[in-house]
Amino acid sequence: MQKSRAITEQKILDAVETLLLEQGFPSVGINAIARQAGCDKVLIYRYFGGMDGLLQRFANGHDLWWDVNEIISENMDEITELSLPQFLDRLLKRHIQALQQRPLTQEIMAWEMSASNALTEALHKIRTEQGMLLVKRVRQHFNQPNIDLGGILGIFGAAINYLVIRTRHSHLEHEKEEWWRLEQTISSLLSCQTPRG
C-alpha cells in the first residue's frame, strides 16, 4: 500500500513538471494534473492536502534557483585580480546562464507575474536568500561601503529576469541580439558607474 502511494505521489509530481514545461503555468490545475498523472484528483487532496501542499512539495524536490557557489566560482586569488565592475559583470553573466539552463524556473517566474502560490513563494524565498548571500560574499572581497551592491545587482537582475521570461519559448534571431545588447549594456554601465575596487 505504501509503495503504491509513493508511486502515485511521484506520478502526480511528475505531472506538475510535465504540464509546466510542455504547456506552461496556465495549464497547471488540479484536474489537469490528475488527468496527466492518470489518477483521481481526490488523491491530490489526500496525499498533498490540495494544490498548495502539492506545489510546496514540488518546490522542495527541485533545484529552482542557483546556489551562490554556482555564480561565484573563482578562488580568492582569482578574485583579487579583478576590479569590482569586472567581478559583477561575470556574476551577472553567470546569472543569465543559470536561468537559461532552468526552463522550469522560467515557467515559475512567469507564473509569479500573475499569481502567488506555494511554488512562486518558494522560488521567491530561495531567490531572496541566495541574493542576500551573494551580496554578502561580494562585500567580503570588495570593501566598497558607499556602493549599493544589492541595488546594482537587483536592477540588472530584474532586467535579466524580464528578458528570460519574455524569451523563454522563442529562439528568434532578433532576440539573440537583445541578449547581446543587454550583456554589452551591463558591462558598459558597470565600468562607467562602479568605482574600481
N, C-alpha and C. Protein backbone atom coordinates (compact mmCIF):
# COMPACT_ATOMS: atom_id res chain seq x y z
N MET A 1 0.83 -1.20 0.00
CA MET A 1 0.00 0.00 0.00
C MET A 1 0.87 1.26 0.00
N GLN A 2 1.91 1.26 0.87
CA GLN A 2 2.81 2.41 0.96
C GLN A 2 3.57 2.63 -0.35
N LYS A 3 3.99 1.51 -0.96
CA LYS A 3 4.72 1.59 -2.22
C LYS A 3 3.83 2.15 -3.32
N SER A 4 2.58 1.72 -3.34
CA SER A 4 1.62 2.19 -4.32
C SER A 4 1.38 3.69 -4.17
N ARG A 5 1.29 4.17 -2.92
CA ARG A 5 1.10 5.59 -2.66
C ARG A 5 2.32 6.38 -3.15
N ALA A 6 3.50 5.88 -2.84
CA ALA A 6 4.73 6.59 -3.26
C ALA A 6 4.80 6.71 -4.77
N ILE A 7 4.40 5.66 -5.49
CA ILE A 7 4.41 5.68 -6.95
C ILE A 7 3.42 6.71 -7.48
N THR A 8 2.23 6.73 -6.88
CA THR A 8 1.19 7.68 -7.31
C THR A 8 1.62 9.11 -7.01
N GLU A 9 2.19 9.34 -5.83
CA GLU A 9 2.68 10.68 -5.49
C GLU A 9 3.70 11.16 -6.51
N GLN A 10 4.62 10.27 -6.89
CA GLN A 10 5.64 10.65 -7.86
C GLN A 10 5.02 10.95 -9.22
N LYS A 11 4.02 10.19 -9.61
CA LYS A 11 3.32 10.46 -10.88
C LYS A 11 2.67 11.83 -10.86
N ILE A 12 2.11 12.18 -9.73
CA ILE A 12 1.46 13.49 -9.59
C ILE A 12 2.50 14.61 -9.66
N LEU A 13 3.62 14.44 -8.97
CA LEU A 13 4.70 15.43 -9.02
C LEU A 13 5.27 15.55 -10.43
N ASP A 14 5.44 14.42 -11.09
CA ASP A 14 5.93 14.43 -12.47
C ASP A 14 4.95 15.14 -13.40
N ALA A 15 3.65 14.98 -13.11
CA ALA A 15 2.63 15.62 -13.94
C ALA A 15 2.72 17.14 -13.84
N VAL A 16 3.01 17.64 -12.65
CA VAL A 16 3.17 19.10 -12.48
C VAL A 16 4.32 19.59 -13.37
N GLU A 17 5.44 18.89 -13.31
CA GLU A 17 6.60 19.29 -14.12
C GLU A 17 6.29 19.21 -15.61
N THR A 18 5.66 18.14 -16.04
CA THR A 18 5.33 17.98 -17.46
C THR A 18 4.43 19.11 -17.95
N LEU A 19 3.40 19.41 -17.18
CA LEU A 19 2.47 20.46 -17.58
C LEU A 19 3.16 21.81 -17.64
N LEU A 20 3.99 22.10 -16.63
CA LEU A 20 4.72 23.38 -16.62
C LEU A 20 5.62 23.51 -17.85
N LEU A 21 6.37 22.46 -18.14
CA LEU A 21 7.35 22.53 -19.23
C LEU A 21 6.70 22.46 -20.61
N GLU A 22 5.65 21.69 -20.75
CA GLU A 22 5.07 21.47 -22.08
C GLU A 22 3.94 22.44 -22.41
N GLN A 23 3.18 22.87 -21.39
CA GLN A 23 2.03 23.72 -21.67
C GLN A 23 2.06 25.06 -20.95
N GLY A 24 2.98 25.22 -20.02
CA GLY A 24 3.08 26.48 -19.29
C GLY A 24 2.18 26.52 -18.07
N PHE A 25 2.40 27.54 -17.24
CA PHE A 25 1.70 27.61 -15.96
C PHE A 25 0.18 27.72 -16.05
N PRO A 26 -0.42 28.29 -17.13
CA PRO A 26 -1.89 28.35 -17.15
C PRO A 26 -2.55 26.97 -17.16
N SER A 27 -1.80 25.95 -17.57
CA SER A 27 -2.37 24.60 -17.66
C SER A 27 -2.33 23.85 -16.34
N VAL A 28 -1.67 24.40 -15.35
CA VAL A 28 -1.47 23.66 -14.09
C VAL A 28 -2.66 23.88 -13.16
N GLY A 29 -3.51 22.86 -13.09
CA GLY A 29 -4.67 22.87 -12.19
C GLY A 29 -4.90 21.45 -11.71
N ILE A 30 -5.72 21.32 -10.68
CA ILE A 30 -5.98 20.00 -10.08
C ILE A 30 -6.45 18.99 -11.12
N ASN A 31 -7.43 19.37 -11.94
CA ASN A 31 -7.99 18.43 -12.92
C ASN A 31 -6.96 18.02 -13.95
N ALA A 32 -6.21 19.00 -14.45
CA ALA A 32 -5.19 18.70 -15.47
C ALA A 32 -4.08 17.83 -14.90
N ILE A 33 -3.68 18.10 -13.68
CA ILE A 33 -2.63 17.30 -13.04
C ILE A 33 -3.09 15.85 -12.86
N ALA A 34 -4.32 15.69 -12.37
CA ALA A 34 -4.86 14.35 -12.16
C ALA A 34 -4.95 13.60 -13.50
N ARG A 35 -5.40 14.30 -14.52
CA ARG A 35 -5.50 13.68 -15.85
C ARG A 35 -4.13 13.26 -16.36
N GLN A 36 -3.15 14.14 -16.22
CA GLN A 36 -1.79 13.85 -16.68
C GLN A 36 -1.18 12.69 -15.89
N ALA A 37 -1.47 12.64 -14.59
CA ALA A 37 -0.91 11.59 -13.74
C ALA A 37 -1.68 10.28 -13.87
N GLY A 38 -2.88 10.34 -14.45
CA GLY A 38 -3.70 9.13 -14.58
C GLY A 38 -4.26 8.66 -13.26
N CYS A 39 -4.68 9.62 -12.43
CA CYS A 39 -5.24 9.25 -11.13
C CYS A 39 -6.46 10.12 -10.83
N ASP A 40 -7.17 9.78 -9.79
CA ASP A 40 -8.32 10.56 -9.35
C ASP A 40 -7.81 11.81 -8.63
N LYS A 41 -8.45 12.95 -8.87
CA LYS A 41 -8.00 14.19 -8.24
C LYS A 41 -8.13 14.16 -6.71
N VAL A 42 -8.98 13.28 -6.21
CA VAL A 42 -9.12 13.12 -4.76
C VAL A 42 -7.78 12.77 -4.11
N LEU A 43 -6.94 12.03 -4.86
CA LEU A 43 -5.65 11.63 -4.31
C LEU A 43 -4.73 12.82 -4.11
N ILE A 44 -4.88 13.86 -4.91
CA ILE A 44 -4.06 15.06 -4.73
C ILE A 44 -4.39 15.70 -3.39
N TYR A 45 -5.66 15.73 -3.04
CA TYR A 45 -6.07 16.27 -1.74
C TYR A 45 -5.65 15.34 -0.61
N ARG A 46 -5.79 14.04 -0.81
CA ARG A 46 -5.46 13.08 0.23
C ARG A 46 -3.96 13.04 0.51
N TYR A 47 -3.15 13.04 -0.55
CA TYR A 47 -1.71 12.89 -0.38
C TYR A 47 -0.97 14.20 -0.11
N PHE A 48 -1.52 15.30 -0.66
CA PHE A 48 -0.79 16.58 -0.55
C PHE A 48 -1.58 17.67 0.17
N GLY A 49 -2.84 17.39 0.49
CA GLY A 49 -3.66 18.40 1.16
C GLY A 49 -4.20 19.45 0.22
N GLY A 50 -4.07 19.24 -1.08
CA GLY A 50 -4.56 20.20 -2.07
C GLY A 50 -3.43 20.79 -2.90
N MET A 51 -3.77 21.80 -3.66
CA MET A 51 -2.82 22.39 -4.61
C MET A 51 -1.61 23.02 -3.93
N ASP A 52 -1.84 23.77 -2.86
CA ASP A 52 -0.71 24.43 -2.18
C ASP A 52 0.28 23.42 -1.63
N GLY A 53 -0.24 22.38 -1.02
CA GLY A 53 0.64 21.33 -0.49
C GLY A 53 1.41 20.64 -1.59
N LEU A 54 0.75 20.40 -2.71
CA LEU A 54 1.40 19.77 -3.85
C LEU A 54 2.52 20.66 -4.40
N LEU A 55 2.22 21.94 -4.58
CA LEU A 55 3.22 22.86 -5.12
C LEU A 55 4.40 23.04 -4.16
N GLN A 56 4.11 23.05 -2.87
CA GLN A 56 5.20 23.16 -1.88
C GLN A 56 6.10 21.94 -1.95
N ARG A 57 5.50 20.77 -2.01
CA ARG A 57 6.27 19.53 -2.10
C ARG A 57 7.08 19.50 -3.39
N PHE A 58 6.48 19.97 -4.48
CA PHE A 58 7.17 20.04 -5.76
C PHE A 58 8.39 20.97 -5.65
N ALA A 59 8.20 22.11 -5.03
CA ALA A 59 9.29 23.08 -4.85
C ALA A 59 10.44 22.48 -4.05
N ASN A 60 10.10 21.73 -3.01
CA ASN A 60 11.12 21.13 -2.14
C ASN A 60 11.97 20.10 -2.88
N GLY A 61 11.44 19.53 -3.93
CA GLY A 61 12.16 18.47 -4.64
C GLY A 61 12.90 18.93 -5.88
N HIS A 62 12.97 20.25 -6.11
CA HIS A 62 13.60 20.74 -7.34
C HIS A 62 14.63 21.83 -7.06
N ASP A 63 15.61 21.89 -7.92
CA ASP A 63 16.67 22.90 -7.87
C ASP A 63 16.15 24.13 -8.62
N LEU A 64 15.38 24.97 -7.91
CA LEU A 64 14.67 26.06 -8.58
C LEU A 64 15.53 27.29 -8.85
N TRP A 65 16.61 27.45 -8.13
CA TRP A 65 17.41 28.67 -8.27
C TRP A 65 18.88 28.31 -8.12
N TRP A 66 19.73 29.20 -8.58
CA TRP A 66 21.16 28.93 -8.44
C TRP A 66 21.61 29.05 -6.99
N ASP A 67 22.72 28.38 -6.73
CA ASP A 67 23.41 28.49 -5.45
C ASP A 67 24.55 29.48 -5.66
N VAL A 68 24.91 30.21 -4.63
CA VAL A 68 25.96 31.23 -4.76
C VAL A 68 27.24 30.64 -5.33
N ASN A 69 27.57 29.41 -4.97
CA ASN A 69 28.79 28.79 -5.48
C ASN A 69 28.73 28.54 -6.99
N GLU A 70 27.54 28.51 -7.54
CA GLU A 70 27.39 28.39 -8.99
C GLU A 70 27.69 29.73 -9.67
N ILE A 71 27.46 30.83 -8.95
CA ILE A 71 27.66 32.17 -9.51
C ILE A 71 29.08 32.67 -9.22
N ILE A 72 29.60 32.36 -8.05
CA ILE A 72 30.99 32.72 -7.72
C ILE A 72 31.82 31.45 -7.76
N SER A 73 32.58 31.28 -8.82
CA SER A 73 33.39 30.07 -8.96
C SER A 73 34.89 30.35 -8.81
N GLU A 74 35.25 31.63 -8.70
CA GLU A 74 36.66 31.98 -8.56
C GLU A 74 37.16 31.73 -7.14
N ASN A 75 38.46 31.45 -7.03
CA ASN A 75 39.07 31.38 -5.69
C ASN A 75 39.53 32.78 -5.30
N MET A 76 40.01 32.92 -4.09
CA MET A 76 40.40 34.23 -3.57
C MET A 76 41.43 34.93 -4.44
N ASP A 77 42.45 34.19 -4.89
CA ASP A 77 43.49 34.80 -5.72
C ASP A 77 42.93 35.32 -7.04
N GLU A 78 42.04 34.56 -7.64
CA GLU A 78 41.44 35.00 -8.91
C GLU A 78 40.58 36.24 -8.72
N ILE A 79 39.88 36.33 -7.59
CA ILE A 79 39.03 37.49 -7.33
C ILE A 79 39.87 38.74 -7.12
N THR A 80 41.00 38.62 -6.44
CA THR A 80 41.83 39.80 -6.18
C THR A 80 42.41 40.40 -7.46
N GLU A 81 42.45 39.63 -8.52
CA GLU A 81 42.95 40.13 -9.81
C GLU A 81 41.89 40.91 -10.58
N LEU A 82 40.67 40.90 -10.09
CA LEU A 82 39.57 41.56 -10.79
C LEU A 82 39.17 42.86 -10.10
N SER A 83 38.70 43.82 -10.88
CA SER A 83 38.08 45.01 -10.30
C SER A 83 36.64 44.64 -9.94
N LEU A 84 36.01 45.47 -9.13
CA LEU A 84 34.61 45.22 -8.76
C LEU A 84 33.71 45.18 -10.00
N PRO A 85 33.84 46.13 -10.94
CA PRO A 85 32.99 46.06 -12.15
C PRO A 85 33.19 44.76 -12.94
N GLN A 86 34.43 44.32 -13.06
CA GLN A 86 34.69 43.07 -13.79
C GLN A 86 34.05 41.87 -13.08
N PHE A 87 34.15 41.88 -11.75
CA PHE A 87 33.60 40.77 -10.98
C PHE A 87 32.07 40.74 -11.09
N LEU A 88 31.42 41.91 -10.91
CA LEU A 88 29.97 41.97 -11.03
C LEU A 88 29.50 41.57 -12.42
N ASP A 89 30.25 41.98 -13.43
CA ASP A 89 29.92 41.62 -14.81
C ASP A 89 29.91 40.10 -14.97
N ARG A 90 30.91 39.44 -14.44
CA ARG A 90 30.98 37.97 -14.50
C ARG A 90 29.79 37.33 -13.79
N LEU A 91 29.48 37.86 -12.60
CA LEU A 91 28.39 37.28 -11.81
C LEU A 91 27.06 37.39 -12.54
N LEU A 92 26.81 38.55 -13.13
CA LEU A 92 25.55 38.77 -13.84
C LEU A 92 25.44 37.88 -15.07
N LYS A 93 26.55 37.67 -15.75
CA LYS A 93 26.52 36.80 -16.93
C LYS A 93 26.30 35.34 -16.52
N ARG A 94 26.81 34.96 -15.36
CA ARG A 94 26.54 33.61 -14.86
C ARG A 94 25.09 33.48 -14.42
N HIS A 95 24.52 34.57 -13.92
CA HIS A 95 23.10 34.58 -13.56
C HIS A 95 22.26 34.29 -14.81
N ILE A 96 22.61 34.93 -15.91
CA ILE A 96 21.91 34.68 -17.18
C ILE A 96 22.00 33.21 -17.55
N GLN A 97 23.20 32.66 -17.53
CA GLN A 97 23.40 31.26 -17.90
C GLN A 97 22.62 30.32 -16.99
N ALA A 98 22.65 30.61 -15.68
CA ALA A 98 21.96 29.75 -14.71
C ALA A 98 20.46 29.71 -14.97
N LEU A 99 19.87 30.86 -15.30
CA LEU A 99 18.43 30.89 -15.56
C LEU A 99 18.10 30.27 -16.91
N GLN A 100 18.93 30.49 -17.91
CA GLN A 100 18.67 29.91 -19.22
C GLN A 100 18.73 28.38 -19.18
N GLN A 101 19.47 27.84 -18.22
CA GLN A 101 19.58 26.38 -18.08
C GLN A 101 18.47 25.78 -17.22
N ARG A 102 17.53 26.63 -16.75
CA ARG A 102 16.45 26.16 -15.88
C ARG A 102 15.09 26.53 -16.48
N PRO A 103 14.63 25.78 -17.48
CA PRO A 103 13.33 26.10 -18.09
C PRO A 103 12.17 26.01 -17.11
N LEU A 104 12.27 25.12 -16.14
CA LEU A 104 11.22 25.01 -15.14
C LEU A 104 11.12 26.29 -14.31
N THR A 105 12.26 26.81 -13.92
CA THR A 105 12.30 28.07 -13.16
C THR A 105 11.71 29.21 -13.98
N GLN A 106 12.00 29.23 -15.27
CA GLN A 106 11.46 30.27 -16.14
C GLN A 106 9.94 30.27 -16.12
N GLU A 107 9.34 29.09 -16.17
CA GLU A 107 7.88 28.99 -16.13
C GLU A 107 7.33 29.47 -14.79
N ILE A 108 8.01 29.14 -13.71
CA ILE A 108 7.56 29.57 -12.39
C ILE A 108 7.69 31.08 -12.25
N MET A 109 8.77 31.64 -12.80
CA MET A 109 8.95 33.10 -12.79
C MET A 109 7.83 33.78 -13.56
N ALA A 110 7.45 33.21 -14.70
CA ALA A 110 6.35 33.78 -15.49
C ALA A 110 5.04 33.71 -14.71
N TRP A 111 4.83 32.59 -14.02
CA TRP A 111 3.63 32.41 -13.19
C TRP A 111 3.58 33.45 -12.08
N GLU A 112 4.74 33.75 -11.54
CA GLU A 112 4.85 34.70 -10.43
C GLU A 112 4.37 36.09 -10.83
N MET A 113 4.42 36.41 -12.13
CA MET A 113 3.99 37.71 -12.61
C MET A 113 2.47 37.90 -12.50
N SER A 114 1.73 36.79 -12.45
CA SER A 114 0.27 36.91 -12.45
C SER A 114 -0.41 36.26 -11.24
N ALA A 115 0.32 35.50 -10.46
CA ALA A 115 -0.31 34.82 -9.33
C ALA A 115 0.71 34.52 -8.24
N SER A 116 0.18 34.30 -7.05
CA SER A 116 1.03 33.89 -5.93
C SER A 116 0.51 32.56 -5.42
N ASN A 117 1.42 31.61 -5.27
CA ASN A 117 1.05 30.30 -4.74
C ASN A 117 2.27 29.72 -4.02
N ALA A 118 2.12 28.52 -3.51
CA ALA A 118 3.21 27.92 -2.73
C ALA A 118 4.49 27.78 -3.54
N LEU A 119 4.37 27.52 -4.84
CA LEU A 119 5.55 27.34 -5.68
C LEU A 119 6.24 28.67 -5.97
N THR A 120 5.47 29.70 -6.32
CA THR A 120 6.08 31.00 -6.59
C THR A 120 6.68 31.59 -5.31
N GLU A 121 6.02 31.34 -4.18
CA GLU A 121 6.55 31.83 -2.90
C GLU A 121 7.84 31.11 -2.52
N ALA A 122 7.92 29.82 -2.81
CA ALA A 122 9.15 29.07 -2.54
C ALA A 122 10.30 29.60 -3.39
N LEU A 123 10.01 29.89 -4.66
CA LEU A 123 11.04 30.46 -5.53
C LEU A 123 11.48 31.83 -5.01
N HIS A 124 10.51 32.65 -4.63
CA HIS A 124 10.83 33.98 -4.11
C HIS A 124 11.73 33.89 -2.88
N LYS A 125 11.43 32.94 -2.00
CA LYS A 125 12.20 32.78 -0.76
C LYS A 125 13.65 32.39 -1.06
N ILE A 126 13.84 31.38 -1.89
CA ILE A 126 15.21 30.94 -2.18
C ILE A 126 15.96 31.99 -2.98
N ARG A 127 15.27 32.68 -3.88
CA ARG A 127 15.91 33.75 -4.66
C ARG A 127 16.39 34.87 -3.75
N THR A 128 15.56 35.26 -2.79
CA THR A 128 15.93 36.32 -1.85
C THR A 128 17.11 35.89 -0.98
N GLU A 129 17.05 34.67 -0.47
CA GLU A 129 18.14 34.17 0.38
C GLU A 129 19.46 34.12 -0.36
N GLN A 130 19.45 33.58 -1.57
CA GLN A 130 20.69 33.47 -2.34
C GLN A 130 21.18 34.84 -2.80
N GLY A 131 20.24 35.74 -3.11
CA GLY A 131 20.63 37.10 -3.49
C GLY A 131 21.34 37.82 -2.36
N MET A 132 20.80 37.70 -1.15
CA MET A 132 21.44 38.33 0.01
C MET A 132 22.80 37.71 0.30
N LEU A 133 22.89 36.41 0.15
CA LEU A 133 24.15 35.72 0.35
C LEU A 133 25.19 36.14 -0.70
N LEU A 134 24.73 36.34 -1.92
CA LEU A 134 25.63 36.78 -2.99
C LEU A 134 26.20 38.16 -2.67
N VAL A 135 25.34 39.09 -2.26
CA VAL A 135 25.80 40.43 -1.90
C VAL A 135 26.81 40.35 -0.75
N LYS A 136 26.52 39.53 0.24
CA LYS A 136 27.43 39.37 1.39
C LYS A 136 28.79 38.86 0.94
N ARG A 137 28.79 37.87 0.03
CA ARG A 137 30.05 37.31 -0.46
C ARG A 137 30.84 38.34 -1.26
N VAL A 138 30.16 39.14 -2.07
CA VAL A 138 30.86 40.18 -2.84
C VAL A 138 31.48 41.19 -1.90
N ARG A 139 30.73 41.58 -0.86
CA ARG A 139 31.25 42.56 0.11
C ARG A 139 32.48 42.03 0.86
N GLN A 140 32.57 40.73 1.03
CA GLN A 140 33.74 40.14 1.70
C GLN A 140 35.01 40.37 0.89
N HIS A 141 34.86 40.47 -0.42
CA HIS A 141 36.02 40.61 -1.30
C HIS A 141 36.32 42.06 -1.69
N PHE A 142 35.30 42.91 -1.66
CA PHE A 142 35.48 44.30 -2.08
C PHE A 142 34.93 45.23 -1.00
N ASN A 143 35.80 46.02 -0.42
CA ASN A 143 35.40 46.94 0.63
C ASN A 143 34.93 48.25 0.00
N GLN A 144 33.66 48.30 -0.37
CA GLN A 144 33.08 49.48 -1.00
C GLN A 144 31.78 49.83 -0.28
N PRO A 145 31.88 50.36 0.96
CA PRO A 145 30.68 50.62 1.76
C PRO A 145 29.72 51.63 1.14
N ASN A 146 30.21 52.49 0.24
CA ASN A 146 29.35 53.52 -0.35
C ASN A 146 28.62 53.03 -1.61
N ILE A 147 28.85 51.79 -2.00
CA ILE A 147 28.21 51.26 -3.20
C ILE A 147 27.09 50.32 -2.78
N ASP A 148 25.91 50.56 -3.31
CA ASP A 148 24.74 49.72 -3.02
C ASP A 148 24.78 48.49 -3.94
N LEU A 149 25.54 47.48 -3.50
CA LEU A 149 25.68 46.28 -4.33
C LEU A 149 24.35 45.58 -4.56
N GLY A 150 23.51 45.55 -3.53
CA GLY A 150 22.19 44.93 -3.67
C GLY A 150 21.36 45.64 -4.72
N GLY A 151 21.44 46.96 -4.73
CA GLY A 151 20.70 47.76 -5.71
C GLY A 151 21.20 47.52 -7.13
N ILE A 152 22.54 47.51 -7.28
CA ILE A 152 23.13 47.29 -8.61
C ILE A 152 22.75 45.91 -9.14
N LEU A 153 22.96 44.89 -8.32
CA LEU A 153 22.63 43.53 -8.76
C LEU A 153 21.13 43.36 -8.96
N GLY A 154 20.34 44.04 -8.12
CA GLY A 154 18.88 43.96 -8.23
C GLY A 154 18.35 44.55 -9.53
N ILE A 155 18.87 45.72 -9.90
CA ILE A 155 18.40 46.37 -11.13
C ILE A 155 18.78 45.55 -12.36
N PHE A 156 20.03 45.16 -12.45
CA PHE A 156 20.46 44.36 -13.60
C PHE A 156 19.78 42.98 -13.58
N GLY A 157 19.65 42.42 -12.38
CA GLY A 157 18.98 41.12 -12.26
C GLY A 157 17.54 41.18 -12.74
N ALA A 158 16.85 42.27 -12.43
CA ALA A 158 15.46 42.42 -12.87
C ALA A 158 15.37 42.49 -14.40
N ALA A 159 16.30 43.21 -15.02
CA ALA A 159 16.31 43.28 -16.49
C ALA A 159 16.56 41.89 -17.10
N ILE A 160 17.50 41.16 -16.51
CA ILE A 160 17.81 39.80 -16.97
C ILE A 160 16.59 38.90 -16.80
N ASN A 161 15.97 38.95 -15.62
CA ASN A 161 14.82 38.10 -15.34
C ASN A 161 13.69 38.37 -16.33
N TYR A 162 13.45 39.65 -16.61
CA TYR A 162 12.39 40.01 -17.56
C TYR A 162 12.66 39.41 -18.93
N LEU A 163 13.89 39.55 -19.41
CA LEU A 163 14.21 39.05 -20.75
C LEU A 163 14.18 37.52 -20.78
N VAL A 164 14.58 36.88 -19.69
CA VAL A 164 14.50 35.42 -19.60
C VAL A 164 13.05 34.97 -19.73
N ILE A 165 12.15 35.63 -18.99
CA ILE A 165 10.73 35.26 -19.04
C ILE A 165 10.16 35.51 -20.43
N ARG A 166 10.45 36.68 -20.99
CA ARG A 166 9.85 37.06 -22.28
C ARG A 166 10.32 36.18 -23.42
N THR A 167 11.55 35.70 -23.36
CA THR A 167 12.10 34.92 -24.48
C THR A 167 12.13 33.42 -24.22
N ARG A 168 11.45 32.96 -23.16
CA ARG A 168 11.59 31.56 -22.75
C ARG A 168 11.09 30.55 -23.78
N HIS A 169 10.15 30.94 -24.63
CA HIS A 169 9.63 29.99 -25.62
C HIS A 169 10.07 30.32 -27.04
N SER A 170 10.89 31.33 -27.17
CA SER A 170 11.23 31.80 -28.52
C SER A 170 12.74 31.76 -28.74
N HIS A 171 13.11 31.45 -29.97
CA HIS A 171 14.54 31.43 -30.32
C HIS A 171 14.74 32.22 -31.61
N LEU A 172 14.07 33.36 -31.69
CA LEU A 172 14.18 34.20 -32.88
C LEU A 172 15.53 34.89 -32.92
N GLU A 173 15.98 35.15 -34.11
CA GLU A 173 17.31 35.74 -34.31
C GLU A 173 17.43 37.10 -33.62
N HIS A 174 16.37 37.93 -33.71
CA HIS A 174 16.48 39.27 -33.11
C HIS A 174 16.59 39.21 -31.59
N GLU A 175 16.13 38.11 -30.98
CA GLU A 175 16.25 38.00 -29.54
C GLU A 175 17.68 37.69 -29.10
N LYS A 176 18.45 37.04 -29.97
CA LYS A 176 19.88 36.87 -29.68
C LYS A 176 20.56 38.24 -29.60
N GLU A 177 20.12 39.14 -30.48
CA GLU A 177 20.68 40.49 -30.47
C GLU A 177 20.28 41.22 -29.18
N GLU A 178 19.05 41.00 -28.71
CA GLU A 178 18.61 41.63 -27.47
C GLU A 178 19.48 41.18 -26.30
N TRP A 179 19.79 39.85 -26.27
CA TRP A 179 20.65 39.35 -25.21
C TRP A 179 22.04 39.95 -25.33
N TRP A 180 22.56 40.03 -26.53
CA TRP A 180 23.88 40.62 -26.74
C TRP A 180 23.88 42.07 -26.27
N ARG A 181 22.85 42.82 -26.64
CA ARG A 181 22.77 44.23 -26.24
C ARG A 181 22.67 44.37 -24.73
N LEU A 182 21.90 43.52 -24.08
CA LEU A 182 21.78 43.59 -22.62
C LEU A 182 23.13 43.32 -21.96
N GLU A 183 23.82 42.29 -22.42
CA GLU A 183 25.13 41.97 -21.83
C GLU A 183 26.13 43.10 -22.05
N GLN A 184 26.11 43.70 -23.25
CA GLN A 184 27.01 44.82 -23.53
C GLN A 184 26.67 46.03 -22.66
N THR A 185 25.38 46.28 -22.47
CA THR A 185 24.94 47.41 -21.65
C THR A 185 25.35 47.21 -20.20
N ILE A 186 25.19 46.00 -19.70
CA ILE A 186 25.60 45.71 -18.32
C ILE A 186 27.09 45.99 -18.15
N SER A 187 27.90 45.47 -19.07
CA SER A 187 29.36 45.68 -18.98
C SER A 187 29.70 47.16 -19.04
N SER A 188 29.05 47.87 -19.96
CA SER A 188 29.34 49.29 -20.15
C SER A 188 28.95 50.11 -18.93
N LEU A 189 27.74 49.89 -18.42
CA LEU A 189 27.28 50.67 -17.27
C LEU A 189 28.07 50.36 -16.01
N LEU A 190 28.43 49.11 -15.82
CA LEU A 190 29.22 48.76 -14.64
C LEU A 190 30.58 49.46 -14.67
N SER A 191 31.22 49.46 -15.82
CA SER A 191 32.55 50.06 -15.90
C SER A 191 32.49 51.57 -15.76
N CYS A 192 31.35 52.19 -16.15
CA CYS A 192 31.21 53.64 -16.05
C CYS A 192 30.81 54.09 -14.64
N GLN A 193 29.92 53.31 -14.02
CA GLN A 193 29.28 53.77 -12.80
C GLN A 193 29.87 53.21 -11.51
N THR A 194 30.60 52.13 -11.60
CA THR A 194 31.10 51.50 -10.38
C THR A 194 32.58 51.77 -10.22
N PRO A 195 33.00 52.46 -9.16
CA PRO A 195 34.43 52.73 -8.96
C PRO A 195 35.23 51.44 -8.87
N ARG A 196 36.47 51.50 -9.29
CA ARG A 196 37.32 50.32 -9.22
C ARG A 196 37.71 50.07 -7.78
N GLY A 197 37.63 48.76 -7.41
CA GLY A 197 37.94 48.40 -6.01
C GLY A 197 39.37 48.03 -5.90
